[in-house]
Amino acid sequence: MKAKKQSLTAFSILFIILAVLCIISVLLNGQPISNDLIAGLNPDKYGDLVQTVADGGTVTVVGAKLSNFFMAYPNGFVDAADLIVFIVSIGGFIGVVMKTGALEAGVYHLVKKMHGREEVLIVILMILFSIGGSTYGMAEETIGFYALITTALVAAGFDTIVAVATVLLGAGCGVLGSTINPFATGAATSALQSVNVPYSSTTIMILGFALWITSLLIAIFFVLGYARKVKADKGSTILSLQEQQDMKEYFTKDDGQTLEFTGKHKAVLIVFAISFAVMIASLISYQDITFGGNEESYLAALGWSDFLTGVPLGQWYFAELAAWFTFASVIIAVMARMSENEFINTYLDGAKDLLSVAIVIAVARGITVVMKATHMDFWILDKSASMLRGVPGFIFAPLSYIIYLVLSFLVPSTSGLAGFSIPVMGGLANALGFNASVMVAVFSAGCGLINLFTPTSGVVMGGLGAAKVELKTYMKWGLKLFVAIGIANIVVLSLAMMMMK
């Protein structure tokens, strides 16, 4: 009997990518990187490299050593420590909420209320997540929503792919079409300012909105088409037999019992909702959006809110969020009258459920750490910029977009990629007579598309892990969608590059 062929896990895929990149860096060892590129970097972040050029030296690709590969995972864990502690804390929080029965009862109550209108729920959720993505870069924060959204949509008759798509594509299309996202367009415009390249915030917002709406409409159309098919015929699901079993085990209630939605359940869900509302409120960049970058005015208005974490609302990040959700877990445990022992065991069990997600993120971040250590990210950027010189606008835009797809695969962090690439790419666009504001939109769209499916993204792998869906299945399901969004992006960006000079 022929043995069943098993697909590679996310861990193996990431380690293979890591090994290939290390080998490539060895082959490129000693390859020079343009002094002009290095000299234009932010000295606060890349001081050693800038100083090397200032002293008459040249920065080159450094071949990865065995130690770079060997230590990539633990170094990635350290580099992503704040995100990992946030994910583990979210797992504990969800575990405590689930133990009360409130989440399950609330979900089935919602599904009963939405009977016959379940598709409307998908559209509303995708729009809401996309607003978060476009305005404040909602990405890693969505991992906490998967337990609720997946349970709700599976109960409504859909499968886990529909749930993953609702959250991941909703927020992802928003980030792709960033308008005032401080981690994408905000970081990019700051990078342009550092090299004195002119730009228009209005142009960036208009293009971001156009990319956001076109991408989201395509995604909604695609997701609804599949959702209707699955709801009509469960056999049409793209999930493997193992994934279907996981869906039944983790997200389906089939014991025939009617769940009572009690007053205690409602109270727990109110705290649950407030917890996420505070998370969203804490991440909005009030200093930039409301106070025009004036730190003094911002602190005068919101400085009082630092009493809990030492950091005011608007400046929280993953460490503060981890503390917040742990605190919320305690509040819910008290409301549910859990014993100390029951609370701790429940919290740890919940954290354990997302531990594999955290480790995948650590391995993915290890790839970024190796890219920085070998300077391959700068080498790729240098060669890409050279290739773009002298090409017309209708070629410049799609080529730039493709370059950002490659760079985003290797450096999934939008703010990090903006910091070292936009001074080069935006400066090149300006020097060639193109609008640097359009280049910001190219950057945002390229990052946004690749971060809908790249295995090097903690958002993608974390979301898939939380919903018990394999990357292979997700890619098979979404390939046509990703191509369609990419084509739509290129059309919008090419027209903008030719018209906005």
Protein backbone atom coordinates (compact mmCIF):
# COMPACT_ATOMS: atom_id res chain seq x y z
CA MET A 1 0.00 0.00 0.00
CA LYS A 2 1.35 3.38 -1.00
CA ALA A 3 2.09 5.70 1.93
CA LYS A 4 0.01 8.86 2.10
CA LYS A 5 1.95 11.89 0.96
CA GLN A 6 2.06 14.62 3.59
CA SER A 7 2.56 18.29 2.84
CA LEU A 8 5.36 20.23 4.50
CA THR A 9 4.55 22.14 7.66
CA ALA A 10 4.98 25.89 7.95
CA PHE A 11 8.13 25.31 10.01
CA SER A 12 9.79 23.26 7.28
CA ILE A 13 8.80 25.71 4.54
CA LEU A 14 10.30 28.61 6.46
CA PHE A 15 13.52 26.77 7.28
CA ILE A 16 13.92 25.81 3.60
CA ILE A 17 13.49 29.47 2.60
CA LEU A 18 16.02 30.43 5.27
CA ALA A 19 18.54 27.86 4.03
CA VAL A 20 18.17 28.96 0.40
CA LEU A 21 18.70 32.63 1.33
CA CYS A 22 21.79 31.74 3.35
CA ILE A 23 23.24 29.84 0.38
CA ILE A 24 22.49 32.73 -1.99
CA SER A 25 24.22 35.15 0.38
CA VAL A 26 27.33 32.93 0.31
CA LEU A 27 27.31 32.97 -3.50
CA LEU A 28 26.97 36.78 -3.47
CA ASN A 29 29.58 37.30 -0.75
CA GLY A 30 31.62 40.46 -1.41
CA GLN A 31 29.20 41.94 -3.96
CA PRO A 32 29.31 45.74 -3.50
CA ILE A 33 26.30 47.88 -2.66
CA SER A 34 26.04 51.42 -4.05
CA ASN A 35 27.59 54.02 -1.77
CA ASP A 36 24.83 56.46 -2.75
CA LEU A 37 22.20 54.03 -1.44
CA ILE A 38 23.97 53.53 1.89
CA ALA A 39 24.75 57.23 2.33
CA GLY A 40 21.04 58.03 1.99
CA LEU A 41 20.03 55.75 4.88
CA ASN A 42 18.82 57.04 8.22
CA PRO A 43 21.98 57.25 10.38
CA ASP A 44 19.92 56.70 13.54
CA LYS A 45 19.06 53.19 12.33
CA TYR A 46 22.00 52.34 10.07
CA GLY A 47 24.78 54.39 11.64
CA ASP A 48 27.53 51.76 11.23
CA LEU A 49 26.83 51.31 7.52
CA VAL A 50 26.58 55.06 6.87
CA GLN A 51 29.83 55.61 8.75
CA THR A 52 31.57 52.94 6.66
CA VAL A 53 30.76 54.88 3.49
CA ALA A 54 31.63 58.20 5.12
CA ASP A 55 35.07 56.78 5.94
CA GLY A 56 35.65 55.87 2.30
CA GLY A 57 34.70 52.20 2.59
CA THR A 58 32.14 50.12 0.71
CA VAL A 59 29.35 48.00 2.13
CA THR A 60 29.12 44.55 0.57
CA VAL A 61 26.98 41.43 0.83
CA VAL A 62 28.24 39.28 3.70
CA GLY A 63 27.93 35.53 3.18
CA ALA A 64 25.88 33.88 5.92
CA LYS A 65 27.78 31.65 8.30
CA LEU A 66 26.51 28.40 9.73
CA SER A 67 25.92 30.29 12.97
CA ASN A 68 23.54 32.70 11.18
CA PHE A 69 21.39 29.78 10.08
CA PHE A 70 21.76 27.92 13.37
CA MET A 71 20.79 30.95 15.49
CA ALA A 72 18.09 32.35 13.16
CA TYR A 73 15.20 30.87 15.13
CA PRO A 74 16.26 32.01 18.63
CA ASN A 75 17.36 35.40 17.27
CA GLY A 76 14.01 35.71 15.51
CA PHE A 77 12.28 34.83 18.77
CA VAL A 78 14.15 37.62 20.55
CA ASP A 79 13.47 40.09 17.73
CA ALA A 80 9.74 39.27 17.79
CA ALA A 81 9.50 38.89 21.59
CA ASP A 82 6.89 41.64 22.03
CA LEU A 83 4.66 40.17 19.31
CA ILE A 84 5.07 36.65 20.67
CA VAL A 85 4.14 37.59 24.24
CA PHE A 86 1.09 39.40 22.82
CA ILE A 87 -0.02 36.28 20.90
CA VAL A 88 0.49 33.99 23.88
CA SER A 89 -1.45 36.43 26.09
CA ILE A 90 -4.28 36.59 23.54
CA GLY A 91 -4.37 32.78 23.60
CA GLY A 92 -4.72 32.81 27.39
CA PHE A 93 -7.41 35.49 27.22
CA ILE A 94 -9.44 33.57 24.61
CA GLY A 95 -9.03 30.39 26.66
CA VAL A 96 -10.53 32.05 29.74
CA VAL A 97 -13.42 33.54 27.74
CA MET A 98 -14.14 30.17 26.12
CA LYS A 99 -14.14 28.45 29.52
CA THR A 100 -17.02 30.67 30.67
CA GLY A 101 -19.13 29.46 27.73
CA ALA A 102 -19.99 33.06 26.87
CA LEU A 103 -18.24 33.11 23.51
CA GLU A 104 -19.86 29.94 22.28
CA ALA A 105 -23.33 30.92 23.52
CA GLY A 106 -22.97 34.42 22.08
CA VAL A 107 -21.86 33.13 18.69
CA TYR A 108 -24.79 30.76 18.35
CA HIS A 109 -27.17 33.48 19.51
CA LEU A 110 -25.74 35.78 16.80
CA VAL A 111 -26.01 33.11 14.12
CA LYS A 112 -29.63 32.48 15.09
CA LYS A 113 -30.35 36.21 14.82
CA MET A 114 -28.59 36.40 11.43
CA HIS A 115 -30.33 33.34 9.99
CA GLY A 116 -30.71 33.83 6.25
CA ARG A 117 -28.44 36.88 6.30
CA GLU A 118 -25.10 35.22 7.12
CA GLU A 119 -23.45 36.63 3.98
CA VAL A 120 -24.15 40.15 5.23
CA LEU A 121 -22.08 39.32 8.32
CA ILE A 122 -19.09 38.42 6.12
CA VAL A 123 -19.32 41.70 4.20
CA ILE A 124 -19.69 43.80 7.35
CA LEU A 125 -16.74 42.10 9.04
CA MET A 126 -14.48 42.46 5.97
CA ILE A 127 -15.31 46.16 5.71
CA LEU A 128 -14.67 46.76 9.42
CA PHE A 129 -11.33 44.91 9.35
CA SER A 130 -10.31 46.78 6.21
CA ILE A 131 -11.02 50.14 7.87
CA GLY A 132 -8.69 49.12 10.68
CA GLY A 133 -6.04 48.05 8.18
CA SER A 134 -6.16 51.25 6.14
CA THR A 135 -6.23 53.64 9.08
CA TYR A 136 -3.90 52.20 11.69
CA GLY A 137 -2.35 49.12 10.10
CA MET A 138 -4.43 46.44 11.79
CA ALA A 139 -2.56 43.21 11.09
CA GLU A 140 -1.03 41.15 13.92
CA GLU A 141 -3.84 42.39 16.16
CA THR A 142 -6.36 40.35 14.13
CA ILE A 143 -4.97 37.05 15.46
CA GLY A 144 -7.06 37.50 18.57
CA PHE A 145 -10.26 37.58 16.50
CA TYR A 146 -9.87 34.21 14.74
CA ALA A 147 -11.38 32.09 17.52
CA LEU A 148 -14.57 34.16 17.56
CA ILE A 149 -14.92 34.73 13.80
CA THR A 150 -14.12 31.12 12.87
CA THR A 151 -16.56 29.71 15.40
CA ALA A 152 -19.29 32.08 14.23
CA LEU A 153 -18.87 31.45 10.50
CA VAL A 154 -18.55 27.68 10.87
CA ALA A 155 -21.75 27.72 12.93
CA ALA A 156 -23.37 29.74 10.13
CA GLY A 157 -22.65 26.93 7.66
CA PHE A 158 -19.36 28.08 6.13
CA ASP A 159 -15.88 26.57 6.54
CA THR A 160 -12.60 27.76 8.07
CA ILE A 161 -11.32 29.10 4.74
CA VAL A 162 -14.21 31.59 4.71
CA ALA A 163 -13.29 32.65 8.25
CA VAL A 164 -9.59 33.07 7.41
CA ALA A 165 -10.46 35.06 4.31
CA THR A 166 -12.89 37.32 6.18
CA VAL A 167 -10.25 38.38 8.69
CA LEU A 168 -7.01 38.13 6.72
CA LEU A 169 -8.26 39.59 3.43
CA GLY A 170 -10.42 42.19 5.14
CA ALA A 171 -7.57 43.68 7.16
CA GLY A 172 -5.03 42.92 4.42
CA CYS A 173 -6.89 44.83 1.71
CA GLY A 174 -7.06 47.77 4.09
CA VAL A 175 -3.31 47.71 4.70
CA LEU A 176 -2.76 47.34 0.94
CA GLY A 177 -4.73 50.54 0.44
CA SER A 178 -3.31 52.42 3.42
CA THR A 179 -4.57 55.97 3.77
CA ILE A 180 -3.34 57.21 7.16
CA ASN A 181 -1.67 53.99 8.35
CA PRO A 182 1.36 55.17 10.39
CA PHE A 183 3.22 51.89 9.79
CA ALA A 184 2.96 52.11 5.99
CA THR A 185 2.20 55.50 4.43
CA GLY A 186 3.28 57.27 7.64
CA ALA A 187 6.65 55.53 7.72
CA ALA A 188 7.07 56.08 3.96
CA THR A 189 6.39 59.82 4.05
CA SER A 190 8.75 60.15 7.01
CA ALA A 191 11.41 58.41 4.93
CA LEU A 192 10.81 60.84 2.05
CA GLN A 193 11.18 63.76 4.44
CA SER A 194 14.55 62.40 5.59
CA VAL A 195 15.96 62.83 2.07
CA ASN A 196 14.02 66.03 1.22
CA VAL A 197 11.91 64.47 -1.53
CA PRO A 198 8.61 66.35 -2.08
CA TYR A 199 5.29 64.49 -1.75
CA SER A 200 1.56 65.15 -1.40
CA SER A 201 -0.34 63.62 1.51
CA THR A 202 -3.59 64.22 -0.38
CA THR A 203 -2.34 62.27 -3.41
CA ILE A 204 -1.20 59.41 -1.17
CA MET A 205 -4.59 59.25 0.56
CA ILE A 206 -6.54 59.36 -2.73
CA LEU A 207 -4.43 56.57 -4.25
CA GLY A 208 -4.63 54.58 -1.04
CA PHE A 209 -8.41 54.86 -1.05
CA ALA A 210 -8.58 53.76 -4.71
CA LEU A 211 -6.35 50.71 -4.02
CA TRP A 212 -8.29 49.90 -0.85
CA ILE A 213 -11.75 49.95 -2.44
CA THR A 214 -10.84 48.10 -5.65
CA SER A 215 -8.94 45.37 -3.78
CA LEU A 216 -11.65 44.97 -1.12
CA LEU A 217 -14.46 44.71 -3.68
CA ILE A 218 -12.57 41.99 -5.58
CA ALA A 219 -11.92 40.12 -2.33
CA ILE A 220 -15.54 40.36 -1.13
CA PHE A 221 -16.83 39.13 -4.48
CA PHE A 222 -14.42 36.17 -4.42
CA VAL A 223 -15.09 35.22 -0.77
CA LEU A 224 -18.87 35.43 -1.13
CA GLY A 225 -18.77 33.26 -4.24
CA TYR A 226 -16.94 30.51 -2.39
CA ALA A 227 -19.01 30.96 0.80
CA ARG A 228 -22.29 30.49 -1.09
CA LYS A 229 -20.95 27.34 -2.73
CA VAL A 230 -19.84 25.81 0.58
CA LYS A 231 -23.07 26.71 2.36
CA ALA A 232 -25.10 25.08 -0.42
CA ASP A 233 -22.92 21.96 -0.60
CA LYS A 234 -20.53 21.03 2.23
CA GLY A 235 -18.77 18.63 -0.15
CA SER A 236 -17.53 21.55 -2.24
CA THR A 237 -15.10 22.69 0.48
CA ILE A 238 -11.46 22.94 -0.52
CA LEU A 239 -10.33 21.78 2.92
CA SER A 240 -8.46 18.50 3.23
CA LEU A 241 -9.95 15.67 5.29
CA GLN A 242 -7.60 16.53 8.16
CA GLU A 243 -8.58 20.21 8.03
CA GLN A 244 -12.26 19.25 8.01
CA GLN A 245 -11.63 17.08 11.07
CA ASP A 246 -9.83 19.97 12.79
CA MET A 247 -12.74 22.28 11.95
CA LYS A 248 -15.17 19.83 13.52
CA GLU A 249 -13.01 19.35 16.62
CA TYR A 250 -12.11 22.98 17.32
CA PHE A 251 -14.93 25.09 15.89
CA THR A 252 -18.10 22.96 15.66
CA LYS A 253 -20.68 22.17 18.32
CA ASP A 254 -22.69 19.12 17.24
CA ASP A 255 -23.98 17.57 20.48
CA GLY A 256 -27.54 18.71 19.83
CA GLN A 257 -27.75 20.89 22.94
CA THR A 258 -29.35 24.31 22.88
CA LEU A 259 -27.04 26.90 24.36
CA GLU A 260 -28.67 29.31 26.78
CA PHE A 261 -27.44 32.89 26.48
CA THR A 262 -27.47 34.07 30.10
CA GLY A 263 -26.98 37.43 31.75
CA LYS A 264 -23.53 36.30 32.93
CA HIS A 265 -22.61 35.44 29.34
CA LYS A 266 -23.70 38.90 28.21
CA ALA A 267 -21.60 40.56 30.92
CA VAL A 268 -18.52 38.54 29.95
CA LEU A 269 -18.98 39.42 26.28
CA ILE A 270 -19.29 43.10 27.17
CA VAL A 271 -15.88 42.93 28.86
CA PHE A 272 -14.63 40.91 25.86
CA ALA A 273 -15.78 43.66 23.46
CA ILE A 274 -14.39 46.44 25.66
CA SER A 275 -11.01 44.66 25.72
CA PHE A 276 -10.75 44.78 21.94
CA ALA A 277 -12.15 48.30 21.77
CA VAL A 278 -9.38 49.47 24.11
CA MET A 279 -6.83 47.64 21.94
CA ILE A 280 -8.02 49.48 18.85
CA ALA A 281 -8.16 52.83 20.66
CA SER A 282 -4.67 52.32 22.07
CA LEU A 283 -3.07 51.80 18.66
CA ILE A 284 -4.45 54.81 16.80
CA SER A 285 -1.70 57.39 16.26
CA TYR A 286 -3.49 60.38 17.81
CA GLN A 287 -0.31 62.46 17.79
CA ASP A 288 -0.13 62.30 13.99
CA ILE A 289 -3.82 62.07 13.08
CA THR A 290 -5.44 64.40 15.60
CA PHE A 291 -2.64 66.70 16.75
CA GLY A 292 -0.65 67.06 13.52
CA GLY A 293 2.48 65.53 15.02
CA ASN A 294 2.55 67.91 18.00
CA GLU A 295 3.72 65.75 20.90
CA GLU A 296 3.11 68.41 23.54
CA SER A 297 -0.56 68.85 22.58
CA TYR A 298 -1.04 65.09 22.36
CA LEU A 299 0.40 64.50 25.86
CA ALA A 300 -1.63 67.37 27.27
CA ALA A 301 -4.80 65.68 26.04
CA LEU A 302 -4.00 61.98 26.57
CA GLY A 303 -1.00 61.89 28.88
CA TRP A 304 -3.30 60.89 31.77
CA SER A 305 -3.96 57.52 30.11
CA ASP A 306 -0.49 56.20 30.97
CA PHE A 307 -1.55 55.28 34.52
CA LEU A 308 -1.96 51.57 33.64
CA THR A 309 1.06 50.79 31.46
CA GLY A 310 3.26 53.88 31.75
CA VAL A 311 2.50 54.61 28.08
CA PRO A 312 -0.47 56.78 26.97
CA LEU A 313 -3.13 55.60 24.55
CA GLY A 314 -1.92 55.97 20.99
CA GLN A 315 1.56 54.71 21.83
CA TRP A 316 0.71 51.21 23.07
CA TYR A 317 2.22 48.30 21.23
CA PHE A 318 2.40 44.54 21.71
CA ALA A 319 3.95 44.52 25.19
CA GLU A 320 1.27 46.85 26.55
CA LEU A 321 -1.44 44.86 24.79
CA ALA A 322 -0.13 41.63 26.33
CA ALA A 323 -0.44 43.15 29.78
CA TRP A 324 -3.89 44.52 28.98
CA PHE A 325 -5.33 41.19 27.81
CA THR A 326 -3.83 39.37 30.79
CA PHE A 327 -5.54 41.92 33.05
CA ALA A 328 -8.81 41.44 31.14
CA SER A 329 -8.46 37.67 31.64
CA VAL A 330 -8.32 38.17 35.40
CA ILE A 331 -11.43 40.39 35.33
CA ILE A 332 -13.39 37.76 33.36
CA ALA A 333 -12.19 34.96 35.66
CA VAL A 334 -13.46 36.92 38.67
CA MET A 335 -16.81 37.52 36.95
CA ALA A 336 -17.10 33.80 36.18
CA ARG A 337 -16.11 32.93 39.77
CA MET A 338 -13.20 30.76 38.72
CA SER A 339 -10.85 29.51 41.40
CA GLU A 340 -7.22 30.64 41.26
CA ASN A 341 -6.11 27.18 40.18
CA GLU A 342 -8.81 26.91 37.50
CA PHE A 343 -7.94 30.34 36.11
CA ILE A 344 -4.21 29.64 35.86
CA ASN A 345 -4.72 26.25 34.21
CA THR A 346 -7.27 27.67 31.79
CA TYR A 347 -5.03 30.62 30.91
CA LEU A 348 -2.05 28.33 30.30
CA ASP A 349 -4.11 25.95 28.16
CA GLY A 350 -5.26 28.88 26.03
CA ALA A 351 -1.71 30.19 25.70
CA LYS A 352 -0.57 26.71 24.68
CA ASP A 353 -3.11 26.67 21.82
CA LEU A 354 -1.33 29.62 20.17
CA LEU A 355 2.22 28.62 21.10
CA SER A 356 2.76 26.96 17.71
CA VAL A 357 1.67 30.22 16.06
CA ALA A 358 4.22 32.12 18.14
CA ILE A 359 7.03 29.75 17.16
CA VAL A 360 6.16 30.04 13.45
CA ILE A 361 6.39 33.82 13.79
CA ALA A 362 9.80 33.46 15.48
CA VAL A 363 11.12 31.38 12.56
CA ALA A 364 9.70 33.86 10.03
CA ARG A 365 11.33 36.75 11.88
CA GLY A 366 14.61 34.81 11.83
CA ILE A 367 14.64 35.19 8.04
CA THR A 368 14.45 38.96 8.40
CA VAL A 369 17.29 38.88 10.95
CA VAL A 370 19.51 36.96 8.51
CA MET A 371 18.63 39.33 5.65
CA LYS A 372 19.81 42.26 7.77
CA ALA A 373 23.00 40.51 8.86
CA THR A 374 24.00 39.64 5.29
CA HIS A 375 22.91 43.01 3.75
CA MET A 376 21.08 41.09 1.01
CA ASP A 377 18.08 43.38 1.43
CA PHE A 378 20.20 46.40 0.42
CA TRP A 379 21.83 44.50 -2.45
CA ILE A 380 18.44 43.57 -3.92
CA LEU A 381 17.22 47.14 -3.52
CA ASP A 382 20.39 48.48 -5.17
CA LYS A 383 20.05 46.22 -8.22
CA SER A 384 16.33 46.94 -8.47
CA ALA A 385 16.88 50.71 -8.51
CA SER A 386 19.51 50.35 -11.23
CA MET A 387 17.10 48.33 -13.36
CA LEU A 388 14.41 51.03 -13.17
CA ARG A 389 16.51 53.92 -14.43
CA GLY A 390 15.39 55.24 -17.81
CA VAL A 391 12.13 53.30 -18.20
CA PRO A 392 8.80 55.03 -19.11
CA GLY A 393 5.99 55.50 -16.58
CA PHE A 394 3.79 52.63 -17.81
CA ILE A 395 6.73 50.27 -17.22
CA PHE A 396 8.19 52.03 -14.17
CA ALA A 397 5.06 51.48 -12.04
CA PRO A 398 4.56 47.72 -12.64
CA LEU A 399 8.30 47.02 -12.34
CA SER A 400 8.44 48.94 -9.06
CA TYR A 401 5.41 46.99 -7.87
CA ILE A 402 7.11 43.66 -8.69
CA ILE A 403 10.28 44.81 -6.91
CA TYR A 404 8.24 45.55 -3.80
CA LEU A 405 6.64 42.11 -4.00
CA VAL A 406 10.12 40.58 -3.79
CA LEU A 407 11.36 42.94 -1.08
CA SER A 408 8.20 42.42 1.00
CA PHE A 409 8.62 38.64 0.83
CA LEU A 410 12.07 39.04 2.38
CA VAL A 411 11.20 41.94 4.72
CA PRO A 412 7.52 41.56 5.78
CA SER A 413 7.65 44.59 8.11
CA THR A 414 6.08 47.55 6.28
CA SER A 415 7.64 50.18 8.53
CA GLY A 416 11.06 48.52 8.33
CA LEU A 417 10.89 48.21 4.55
CA ALA A 418 9.73 51.82 4.20
CA GLY A 419 12.66 53.04 6.26
CA PHE A 420 15.40 51.67 4.04
CA SER A 421 13.71 51.46 0.62
CA ILE A 422 11.59 54.58 0.19
CA PRO A 423 14.53 57.03 0.32
CA VAL A 424 16.00 55.11 -2.64
CA MET A 425 12.85 54.31 -4.61
CA GLY A 426 11.10 57.61 -3.87
CA GLY A 427 14.27 59.55 -4.62
CA LEU A 428 14.72 57.64 -7.90
CA ALA A 429 11.12 58.36 -8.94
CA ASN A 430 11.59 62.04 -8.21
CA ALA A 431 14.93 62.18 -10.09
CA LEU A 432 13.33 60.55 -13.16
CA GLY A 433 10.47 63.05 -13.20
CA PHE A 434 7.82 60.81 -11.65
CA ASN A 435 5.69 61.56 -8.60
CA ALA A 436 7.24 60.21 -5.39
CA SER A 437 3.76 60.16 -3.82
CA VAL A 438 2.77 57.46 -6.30
CA MET A 439 5.84 55.46 -5.28
CA VAL A 440 4.50 55.48 -1.71
CA ALA A 441 1.29 53.92 -3.05
CA VAL A 442 3.33 51.38 -5.05
CA PHE A 443 5.19 50.45 -1.87
CA SER A 444 1.97 50.12 0.15
CA ALA A 445 0.23 48.02 -2.51
CA GLY A 446 3.22 45.74 -3.12
CA CYS A 447 3.67 45.11 0.60
CA GLY A 448 -0.06 44.67 1.01
CA LEU A 449 -0.45 42.06 -1.71
CA ILE A 450 2.51 39.90 -0.71
CA ASN A 451 1.48 40.04 2.95
CA LEU A 452 -1.85 38.44 2.04
CA PHE A 453 -0.12 35.10 1.53
CA THR A 454 3.64 35.10 2.17
CA PRO A 455 4.87 32.37 4.58
CA THR A 456 7.42 34.85 5.96
CA SER A 457 4.59 36.93 7.46
CA GLY A 458 3.62 36.26 11.05
CA VAL A 459 0.16 37.64 10.27
CA VAL A 460 -0.48 35.03 7.56
CA MET A 461 1.02 32.06 9.38
CA GLY A 462 -0.47 33.14 12.69
CA GLY A 463 -3.95 33.50 11.25
CA LEU A 464 -3.82 30.20 9.40
CA GLY A 465 -2.50 28.46 12.49
CA ALA A 466 -5.24 29.91 14.67
CA ALA A 467 -7.93 28.73 12.20
CA LYS A 468 -6.26 25.31 11.63
CA VAL A 469 -5.82 25.85 7.88
CA GLU A 470 -2.69 24.79 5.96
CA LEU A 471 -0.80 27.33 3.84
CA LYS A 472 -1.00 24.98 0.84
CA THR A 473 -4.80 24.88 1.04
CA TYR A 474 -5.09 28.64 1.44
CA MET A 475 -2.78 29.29 -1.52
CA LYS A 476 -4.69 26.85 -3.72
CA TRP A 477 -7.93 28.59 -2.80
CA GLY A 478 -6.71 32.16 -3.20
CA LEU A 479 -4.26 32.11 -6.12
CA LYS A 480 -6.70 33.51 -8.69
CA LEU A 481 -7.81 36.17 -6.22
CA PHE A 482 -4.25 37.33 -5.54
CA VAL A 483 -3.55 37.57 -9.26
CA ALA A 484 -6.75 39.56 -9.82
CA ILE A 485 -5.90 42.01 -7.02
CA GLY A 486 -2.36 42.36 -8.39
CA ILE A 487 -3.62 43.19 -11.88
CA ALA A 488 -6.08 45.75 -10.50
CA ASN A 489 -3.30 47.35 -8.44
CA ILE A 490 -0.99 47.61 -11.45
CA VAL A 491 -3.72 49.27 -13.54
CA VAL A 492 -4.43 51.88 -10.85
CA LEU A 493 -0.74 52.57 -10.17
CA SER A 494 0.30 52.71 -13.84
CA LEU A 495 -2.41 55.25 -14.65
CA ALA A 496 -1.42 57.30 -11.60
CA MET A 497 2.30 57.19 -12.49
CA MET A 498 1.62 58.43 -16.03
CA MET A 499 -0.94 61.10 -15.09
CA MET A 500 0.52 62.50 -11.82
CA LYS A 501 3.92 63.88 -12.80
